[in-house]
Amino acid sequence: MSEHRRQLRLIEALLFAAPGPLAADDLAARLGEVGGCRGSCYGRLAETYAERGVNLVRLAGGWTFRTAPDLAAR
């Protein structure tokens, strides 16, 4: 598994477990993040989740998963 893929998986796990939004700096500190993953990882994860039941969104200065807008009222 590539380091980039490993970082994506770790970010995903931390965001799912977090009670609220996590700032990119907080995630980087927890991951010991390296290289160019910093900005690209969040955009890549957001794209991955764009068509799913949950979406990765920026909220309150951080990143978090939220129910997809088209499913929120159900």
C-alpha atoms as a PDB file:
ATOM      1  CA  MET A   1       0.000   0.000   0.000  1.00  0.00           C
ATOM      2  CA  SER A   2       1.373   3.402  -0.937  1.00  0.00           C
ATOM      3  CA  GLU A   3       2.043   6.017   1.720  1.00  0.00           C
ATOM      4  CA  HIS A   4      -0.531   8.309   0.110  1.00  0.00           C
ATOM      5  CA  ARG A   5      -3.236   5.612   0.284  1.00  0.00           C
ATOM      6  CA  ARG A   6      -2.299   4.867   3.897  1.00  0.00           C
ATOM      7  CA  GLN A   7      -2.670   8.571   4.759  1.00  0.00           C
ATOM      8  CA  LEU A   8      -6.116   8.675   3.107  1.00  0.00           C
ATOM      9  CA  ARG A   9      -7.253   5.695   5.153  1.00  0.00           C
ATOM     10  CA  LEU A  10      -5.966   7.194   8.403  1.00  0.00           C
ATOM     11  CA  ILE A  11      -7.631  10.550   7.718  1.00  0.00           C
ATOM     12  CA  GLU A  12     -10.888   8.763   6.912  1.00  0.00           C
ATOM     13  CA  ALA A  13     -10.756   6.759  10.148  1.00  0.00           C
ATOM     14  CA  LEU A  14      -9.995   9.811  12.291  1.00  0.00           C
ATOM     15  CA  LEU A  15     -12.820  11.815  10.720  1.00  0.00           C
ATOM     16  CA  PHE A  16     -15.349   9.018  11.213  1.00  0.00           C
ATOM     17  CA  ALA A  17     -14.369   8.676  14.878  1.00  0.00           C
ATOM     18  CA  ALA A  18     -14.280  12.403  15.661  1.00  0.00           C
ATOM     19  CA  PRO A  19     -17.242  13.992  17.458  1.00  0.00           C
ATOM     20  CA  GLY A  20     -16.905  17.157  15.353  1.00  0.00           C
ATOM     21  CA  PRO A  21     -14.880  18.776  12.573  1.00  0.00           C
ATOM     22  CA  LEU A  22     -11.105  18.307  12.654  1.00  0.00           C
ATOM     23  CA  ALA A  23      -8.798  20.991  11.290  1.00  0.00           C
ATOM     24  CA  ALA A  24      -6.199  19.936   8.724  1.00  0.00           C
ATOM     25  CA  ASP A  25      -3.442  20.978  11.149  1.00  0.00           C
ATOM     26  CA  ASP A  26      -4.901  18.764  13.884  1.00  0.00           C
ATOM     27  CA  LEU A  27      -5.110  15.830  11.500  1.00  0.00           C
ATOM     28  CA  ALA A  28      -1.543  16.416  10.325  1.00  0.00           C
ATOM     29  CA  ALA A  29      -0.294  16.467  13.927  1.00  0.00           C
ATOM     30  CA  ARG A  30      -2.035  13.163  14.664  1.00  0.00           C
ATOM     31  CA  LEU A  31      -0.791  11.519  11.489  1.00  0.00           C
ATOM     32  CA  GLY A  32       2.739  12.828  11.278  1.00  0.00           C
ATOM     33  CA  GLU A  33       1.686  13.741   7.756  1.00  0.00           C
ATOM     34  CA  VAL A  34       4.382  13.825   5.094  1.00  0.00           C
ATOM     35  CA  GLY A  35       4.808  15.138   1.589  1.00  0.00           C
ATOM     36  CA  GLY A  36       2.053  16.588  -0.580  1.00  0.00           C
ATOM     37  CA  CYS A  37      -0.866  14.802   1.050  1.00  0.00           C
ATOM     38  CA  ARG A  38      -1.877  17.797   3.127  1.00  0.00           C
ATOM     39  CA  GLY A  39      -4.321  19.544   0.781  1.00  0.00           C
ATOM     40  CA  SER A  40      -4.759  16.903  -1.861  1.00  0.00           C
ATOM     41  CA  CYS A  41      -5.945  14.194   0.539  1.00  0.00           C
ATOM     42  CA  TYR A  42      -9.004  16.106   1.683  1.00  0.00           C
ATOM     43  CA  GLY A  43     -10.060  16.994  -1.847  1.00  0.00           C
ATOM     44  CA  ARG A  44      -9.520  13.425  -2.965  1.00  0.00           C
ATOM     45  CA  LEU A  45     -11.579  12.034  -0.092  1.00  0.00           C
ATOM     46  CA  ALA A  46     -14.313  14.609  -0.742  1.00  0.00           C
ATOM     47  CA  GLU A  47     -14.471  13.431  -4.372  1.00  0.00           C
ATOM     48  CA  THR A  48     -14.621   9.795  -3.260  1.00  0.00           C
ATOM     49  CA  TYR A  49     -17.612  10.497  -1.010  1.00  0.00           C
ATOM     50  CA  ALA A  50     -19.416  12.947  -3.327  1.00  0.00           C
ATOM     51  CA  GLU A  51     -21.915  10.358  -4.603  1.00  0.00           C
ATOM     52  CA  ARG A  52     -22.324   8.419  -1.353  1.00  0.00           C
ATOM     53  CA  GLY A  53     -24.715   8.671   1.572  1.00  0.00           C
ATOM     54  CA  VAL A  54     -22.216  10.760   3.515  1.00  0.00           C
ATOM     55  CA  ASN A  55     -20.080  13.601   2.177  1.00  0.00           C
ATOM     56  CA  LEU A  56     -16.786  14.993   3.391  1.00  0.00           C
ATOM     57  CA  VAL A  57     -17.290  18.729   3.913  1.00  0.00           C
ATOM     58  CA  ARG A  58     -15.468  21.716   5.358  1.00  0.00           C
ATOM     59  CA  LEU A  59     -17.287  22.987   8.431  1.00  0.00           C
ATOM     60  CA  ALA A  60     -16.270  25.275  11.280  1.00  0.00           C
ATOM     61  CA  GLY A  61     -12.683  25.490  10.066  1.00  0.00           C
ATOM     62  CA  GLY A  62     -12.248  21.741   9.769  1.00  0.00           C
ATOM     63  CA  TRP A  63     -13.297  18.615   7.910  1.00  0.00           C
ATOM     64  CA  THR A  64     -16.166  16.333   8.835  1.00  0.00           C
ATOM     65  CA  PHE A  65     -18.549  13.783   7.381  1.00  0.00           C
ATOM     66  CA  ARG A  66     -22.210  14.807   6.996  1.00  0.00           C
ATOM     67  CA  THR A  67     -25.253  13.103   5.570  1.00  0.00           C
ATOM     68  CA  ALA A  68     -25.588  13.841   1.859  1.00  0.00           C
ATOM     69  CA  PRO A  69     -27.955  16.820   1.424  1.00  0.00           C
ATOM     70  CA  ASP A  70     -30.442  14.877  -0.695  1.00  0.00           C
ATOM     71  CA  LEU A  71     -30.823  12.292   2.095  1.00  0.00           C
ATOM     72  CA  ALA A  72     -30.814  14.593   5.117  1.00  0.00           C
ATOM     73  CA  ALA A  73     -34.583  15.191   5.213  1.00  0.00           C
ATOM     74  CA  ARG A  74     -35.502  11.506   5.210  1.00  0.00           C
END
